[in-house]
Amino acid sequence: MLTDTPETTLLSMFWTAHPVVKVVMIGLLCASFWCWAIIINKTLIFRKFRSEADHFEQSFWSGHSLEELYQQLSQQPLTGAAALFVSAMREWKRSFQSQVASFRGLHARLDKVLDVSIAREVERLESNLLFLATTASAGPFVGLFGTVWGIMTSFRSIAASRNTSLAVVAPGIAEALLATAIGLFAAIPALIAYNKLQGDVARAQARMESFADEFSSILSRQIDAHLPNDRAA
């Protein structure tokens, strides 16, 4: 029965690898751990985003006064549609407190506020996703660099020892290939998570844009009610 010798374990292959290959392996492992931290954090953030969005939209469409809802939310840290609502209502209230001339340009300002708020929320949701994309694209190549370097070192050792037996060649090549395996280990989950999280960002953005359009229509009707002669002017 075959048993693994100390020379064939992953840990022993790491310790006997060339220092450059070790640096590559350690860098890829650190990148993998950081990717998993981002994946877990983003999963929790999107879960919270959806929960808060559901709760806010339920309150918004329940028929309660917009002023009461604004007073309730204005002092809280907000995300998603709730942040859009508070930003737009803040601009709405400022316009009521200013001159009529500034109130006439309110619709354009509200659209701008909503667009900026959406962009800010999307930027927050997309933060750190670039690291996942970088790891997914560069990880295999970094691992391949470690493998090429390790194989070059192994061939130099073979040439120096003048021994081409499989027992001499195989350990060095195995150590070198370990770098590529670690690169794939880091890149594959990062790629899958990046595609999944980008889809979540797109869905969140579409949801916020849909709410912004509906809320803008509501405020537009309010503006028309306050300025009945605008169209005739």
Protein backbone atom coordinates (compact mmCIF):
# COMPACT_ATOMS: atom_id res chain seq x y z
CA MET A 1 0.00 0.00 0.00
CA LEU A 2 1.32 3.45 -0.99
CA THR A 3 1.71 6.11 1.69
CA ASP A 4 2.58 9.76 1.41
CA THR A 5 6.09 10.57 2.42
CA PRO A 6 6.98 13.93 3.97
CA GLU A 7 8.41 15.02 0.62
CA THR A 8 5.02 14.69 -1.11
CA THR A 9 2.86 16.77 1.26
CA LEU A 10 1.73 20.23 0.26
CA LEU A 11 3.44 21.81 3.25
CA SER A 12 6.76 20.13 2.52
CA MET A 13 6.55 21.19 -1.13
CA PHE A 14 6.02 24.77 0.02
CA TRP A 15 8.98 24.77 2.40
CA THR A 16 11.35 23.26 -0.15
CA ALA A 17 10.26 25.60 -2.97
CA HIS A 18 12.47 28.43 -4.24
CA PRO A 19 12.07 31.73 -2.26
CA VAL A 20 10.56 33.47 -5.29
CA VAL A 21 7.97 30.71 -5.63
CA LYS A 22 7.24 30.97 -1.90
CA VAL A 23 6.58 34.69 -2.24
CA VAL A 24 4.19 34.00 -5.13
CA MET A 25 2.34 31.34 -3.14
CA ILE A 26 2.05 33.53 -0.02
CA GLY A 27 0.83 36.47 -2.12
CA LEU A 28 -1.82 34.35 -3.81
CA LEU A 29 -2.98 32.88 -0.50
CA CYS A 30 -3.27 36.37 1.01
CA ALA A 31 -5.23 37.51 -2.06
CA SER A 32 -7.52 34.49 -1.70
CA PHE A 33 -8.21 35.22 1.98
CA TRP A 34 -8.93 38.88 1.18
CA CYS A 35 -11.26 37.84 -1.65
CA TRP A 36 -13.23 35.63 0.70
CA ALA A 37 -13.45 38.48 3.22
CA ILE A 38 -14.84 40.73 0.48
CA ILE A 39 -17.27 38.04 -0.68
CA ILE A 40 -18.65 37.48 2.82
CA ASN A 41 -18.86 41.21 3.55
CA LYS A 42 -20.61 41.99 0.27
CA THR A 43 -23.04 39.12 0.73
CA LEU A 44 -24.07 40.57 4.09
CA ILE A 45 -24.26 44.11 2.65
CA PHE A 46 -26.56 43.05 -0.20
CA ARG A 47 -28.72 41.02 2.15
CA LYS A 48 -29.09 44.09 4.38
CA PHE A 49 -29.70 46.31 1.34
CA ARG A 50 -32.59 44.14 0.13
CA SER A 51 -34.10 43.89 3.60
CA GLU A 52 -33.96 47.66 4.18
CA ALA A 53 -35.30 48.35 0.68
CA ASP A 54 -38.28 46.04 1.26
CA HIS A 55 -39.00 47.69 4.61
CA PHE A 56 -38.71 51.22 3.23
CA GLU A 57 -40.84 50.58 0.16
CA GLN A 58 -43.51 49.01 2.35
CA SER A 59 -43.55 52.16 4.51
CA PHE A 60 -43.42 54.48 1.48
CA TRP A 61 -46.37 52.90 -0.30
CA SER A 62 -48.43 52.37 2.85
CA GLY A 63 -50.08 55.79 2.45
CA HIS A 64 -48.29 57.56 5.29
CA SER A 65 -47.43 61.23 4.94
CA LEU A 66 -44.15 61.86 3.11
CA GLU A 67 -43.34 64.54 5.67
CA GLU A 68 -43.76 62.09 8.55
CA LEU A 69 -41.64 59.49 6.78
CA TYR A 70 -38.96 62.10 6.11
CA GLN A 71 -38.89 63.18 9.76
CA GLN A 72 -38.61 59.55 10.79
CA LEU A 73 -35.71 58.74 8.46
CA SER A 74 -33.78 62.01 8.22
CA GLN A 75 -31.66 61.37 11.32
CA GLN A 76 -30.74 57.77 10.47
CA PRO A 77 -27.88 56.33 8.40
CA LEU A 78 -29.62 55.20 5.22
CA THR A 79 -28.90 53.21 2.09
CA GLY A 80 -30.68 52.50 -1.15
CA ALA A 81 -34.10 53.97 -1.90
CA ALA A 82 -34.38 55.44 1.60
CA ALA A 83 -31.24 57.52 0.98
CA LEU A 84 -32.69 58.70 -2.34
CA PHE A 85 -35.95 59.66 -0.66
CA VAL A 86 -34.28 61.68 2.10
CA SER A 87 -31.98 63.48 -0.35
CA ALA A 88 -34.86 64.44 -2.63
CA MET A 89 -37.09 65.52 0.26
CA ARG A 90 -34.27 67.65 1.67
CA GLU A 91 -33.99 69.49 -1.65
CA TRP A 92 -37.79 69.78 -1.79
CA LYS A 93 -37.93 71.39 1.64
CA ARG A 94 -35.08 73.78 0.81
CA SER A 95 -36.98 74.97 -2.26
CA PHE A 96 -40.12 75.67 -0.25
CA GLN A 97 -38.05 77.77 2.12
CA SER A 98 -36.52 79.82 -0.72
CA GLN A 99 -37.92 82.14 -3.38
CA VAL A 100 -40.50 81.08 -5.98
CA ALA A 101 -37.91 81.49 -8.76
CA SER A 102 -35.78 78.70 -7.33
CA PHE A 103 -38.89 76.59 -6.79
CA ARG A 104 -39.65 76.73 -10.52
CA GLY A 105 -36.41 74.87 -11.27
CA LEU A 106 -37.10 72.25 -8.62
CA HIS A 107 -37.90 69.36 -10.96
CA ALA A 108 -34.49 69.52 -12.65
CA ARG A 109 -32.74 69.81 -9.29
CA LEU A 110 -34.64 66.84 -7.89
CA ASP A 111 -33.66 64.69 -10.86
CA LYS A 112 -30.04 65.73 -10.37
CA VAL A 113 -30.16 64.93 -6.65
CA LEU A 114 -31.66 61.51 -7.37
CA ASP A 115 -29.05 60.74 -10.05
CA VAL A 116 -26.19 61.75 -7.73
CA SER A 117 -27.64 59.68 -4.88
CA ILE A 118 -27.96 56.62 -7.14
CA ALA A 119 -24.38 57.05 -8.35
CA ARG A 120 -23.17 57.31 -4.75
CA GLU A 121 -25.04 54.17 -3.71
CA VAL A 122 -23.77 52.20 -6.71
CA GLU A 123 -20.22 53.31 -5.99
CA ARG A 124 -20.59 52.10 -2.41
CA LEU A 125 -21.96 48.74 -3.52
CA GLU A 126 -19.19 48.31 -6.10
CA SER A 127 -16.36 49.12 -3.69
CA ASN A 128 -13.69 46.38 -3.50
CA LEU A 129 -15.19 44.48 -6.44
CA LEU A 130 -12.24 45.61 -8.54
CA PHE A 131 -9.95 43.54 -6.30
CA LEU A 132 -12.04 40.44 -7.09
CA ALA A 133 -11.78 41.16 -10.81
CA THR A 134 -8.03 41.73 -10.56
CA THR A 135 -7.49 38.49 -8.64
CA ALA A 136 -9.68 36.55 -11.06
CA SER A 137 -7.77 37.80 -14.10
CA ALA A 138 -4.22 38.01 -12.72
CA GLY A 139 -4.21 35.09 -10.26
CA PRO A 140 -3.57 32.30 -12.81
CA PHE A 141 -0.81 34.32 -14.49
CA VAL A 142 0.90 35.07 -11.18
CA GLY A 143 0.70 31.37 -10.33
CA LEU A 144 2.08 30.51 -13.77
CA PHE A 145 4.99 32.87 -13.16
CA GLY A 146 5.77 30.96 -9.96
CA THR A 147 5.53 27.68 -11.85
CA VAL A 148 7.85 28.82 -14.64
CA TRP A 149 10.36 30.11 -12.11
CA GLY A 150 10.20 26.87 -10.14
CA ILE A 151 10.67 24.72 -13.25
CA MET A 152 13.66 26.82 -14.31
CA THR A 153 15.18 26.30 -10.87
CA SER A 154 14.48 22.56 -11.06
CA PHE A 155 16.15 22.27 -14.46
CA ARG A 156 19.22 24.09 -13.18
CA SER A 157 19.38 21.69 -10.26
CA ILE A 158 19.04 18.72 -12.61
CA ALA A 159 21.82 20.05 -14.82
CA ALA A 160 24.07 20.57 -11.82
CA SER A 161 23.43 17.08 -10.43
CA ARG A 162 23.63 15.41 -13.87
CA ASN A 163 20.79 13.14 -12.81
CA THR A 164 17.62 12.99 -14.93
CA SER A 165 15.80 10.24 -13.06
CA LEU A 166 12.11 10.77 -12.30
CA ALA A 167 12.82 10.71 -8.55
CA VAL A 168 14.99 13.81 -8.98
CA VAL A 169 12.84 15.67 -11.54
CA ALA A 170 9.34 15.08 -10.13
CA PRO A 171 9.62 16.85 -6.71
CA GLY A 172 10.85 20.11 -8.22
CA ILE A 173 8.18 20.15 -10.91
CA ALA A 174 5.50 19.32 -8.34
CA GLU A 175 6.63 22.25 -6.18
CA ALA A 176 6.47 24.54 -9.20
CA LEU A 177 3.00 23.38 -10.25
CA LEU A 178 1.72 24.06 -6.74
CA ALA A 179 1.98 27.79 -7.49
CA THR A 180 -0.37 27.46 -10.47
CA ALA A 181 -2.80 25.41 -8.37
CA ILE A 182 -2.88 28.14 -5.70
CA GLY A 183 -3.39 30.77 -8.42
CA LEU A 184 -6.43 28.89 -9.70
CA PHE A 185 -7.63 28.39 -6.11
CA ALA A 186 -7.63 32.18 -5.67
CA ALA A 187 -8.94 33.09 -9.13
CA ILE A 188 -11.91 30.75 -9.60
CA PRO A 189 -13.95 31.81 -6.51
CA ALA A 190 -13.05 35.45 -7.19
CA LEU A 191 -14.37 35.23 -10.76
CA ILE A 192 -17.61 33.51 -9.74
CA ALA A 193 -18.19 35.97 -6.89
CA TYR A 194 -17.39 38.99 -9.06
CA ASN A 195 -19.95 38.00 -11.70
CA LYS A 196 -22.55 37.27 -9.02
CA LEU A 197 -21.97 40.53 -7.12
CA GLN A 198 -21.95 42.60 -10.31
CA GLY A 199 -25.36 41.12 -11.08
CA ASP A 200 -26.51 42.12 -7.59
CA VAL A 201 -25.24 45.66 -8.17
CA ALA A 202 -27.10 45.88 -11.48
CA ARG A 203 -30.33 44.69 -9.87
CA ALA A 204 -29.92 47.13 -6.97
CA GLN A 205 -29.26 49.99 -9.38
CA ALA A 206 -32.33 49.11 -11.45
CA ARG A 207 -34.43 48.99 -8.29
CA MET A 208 -33.23 52.42 -7.17
CA GLU A 209 -33.75 53.91 -10.63
CA SER A 210 -37.29 52.53 -10.71
CA PHE A 211 -38.06 54.07 -7.34
CA ALA A 212 -36.45 57.36 -8.40
CA ASP A 213 -38.66 57.53 -11.49
CA GLU A 214 -41.80 56.84 -9.48
CA PHE A 215 -40.89 59.31 -6.72
CA SER A 216 -39.94 61.95 -9.29
CA SER A 217 -43.37 61.56 -10.89
CA ILE A 218 -45.06 62.04 -7.52
CA LEU A 219 -43.06 65.20 -6.83
CA SER A 220 -43.66 66.43 -10.37
CA ARG A 221 -47.40 66.32 -9.79
CA GLN A 222 -46.88 68.27 -6.57
CA ILE A 223 -44.87 70.89 -8.49
CA ASP A 224 -47.62 71.21 -11.10
CA ALA A 225 -50.15 71.69 -8.31
CA HIS A 226 -48.11 74.53 -6.82
CA LEU A 227 -47.41 76.14 -10.20
CA PRO A 228 -50.68 75.87 -12.14
CA ASN A 229 -49.74 78.62 -14.56
CA ASP A 230 -46.29 77.29 -15.55
CA ARG A 231 -47.45 75.78 -18.82
CA ALA A 232 -49.29 78.90 -19.80
CA ALA A 233 -46.26 81.07 -19.07
